[in-house]
């Protein structure tokens, strides 16, 4: 009887292990395909069907040396500001009467950070050179890879793009993942640099998209940068005028003044009405 119980327990443990393994395998794919939306932006929530996915980094680049962040596209509604040269992640864009605006999120402050979710005119931003930029610049040189499969028994260095000089991460060899990796490392997009090295783009690899591996030297982390990101051409940075650096502060300062103006207006109107009716 006890032997049967032990056998049943072992079978149950094996079944549970298999189920857990089958559930964990697609986790990377879920993470890779997950598209984050603005967490707390009412305008986006109301107009998401008209928004276009962007998901790229930009530098702030206002002609006056700074940019304002607004609660929604259009003049006014300012809630924050940045001097030029700050990196912001634009999630989606929206066409507001022919002007394209981008929505972003950030946290301000150090001790009790506040989540800022707002919109910036795209004409006041400049793209941060990235993998998409490299593809746009060199796609006419891409071709189909016809070489030998990549050996998996060594570490693999994953780069942002060929010649970037920036290593995204290093895949440590794990024989247990070899079969999965073999299916991931199939790609047709290849680039050959001036030294004859072949770089292959891997669309998906461990929840990362748009990876580049130098198939000619896959474990070398010391390949020099021959195509680094160009320096951005930005307007000189400057601070917004005093009192306008934060739209919320501006509104708080204006409220008492508006209240006084309202009281005075009502008082003057009342006096005029009393005189008019008194004469009658």
Foldseek 3Di string as FASTA:
>chain_A
DVVVVVVVVVVVVVVVVVVVVVVPVCPLVCLLPDADDDDDQPVCVVPVVQKAFDFFKWWQFDQVQKWFFASEDDPDRTFAMGGTGDIWTFGIWHQDVNWIKTWTWDWDDDPDTDIDIGITTCVRIGGFDFLVNVCVVCVVQWFFDDDDQADQQAKFFWARDPLALHTPDIHGGDVVCVVVVSVQRDATTWHADPVRWIKGFRQDDRSDGGIIAGSVCGRDSPDHRPDHGDDDDHRHHDAPPPLPRGSVSVVVVCVVVVVVVVVVVVVVVVVVVCVVVVVD
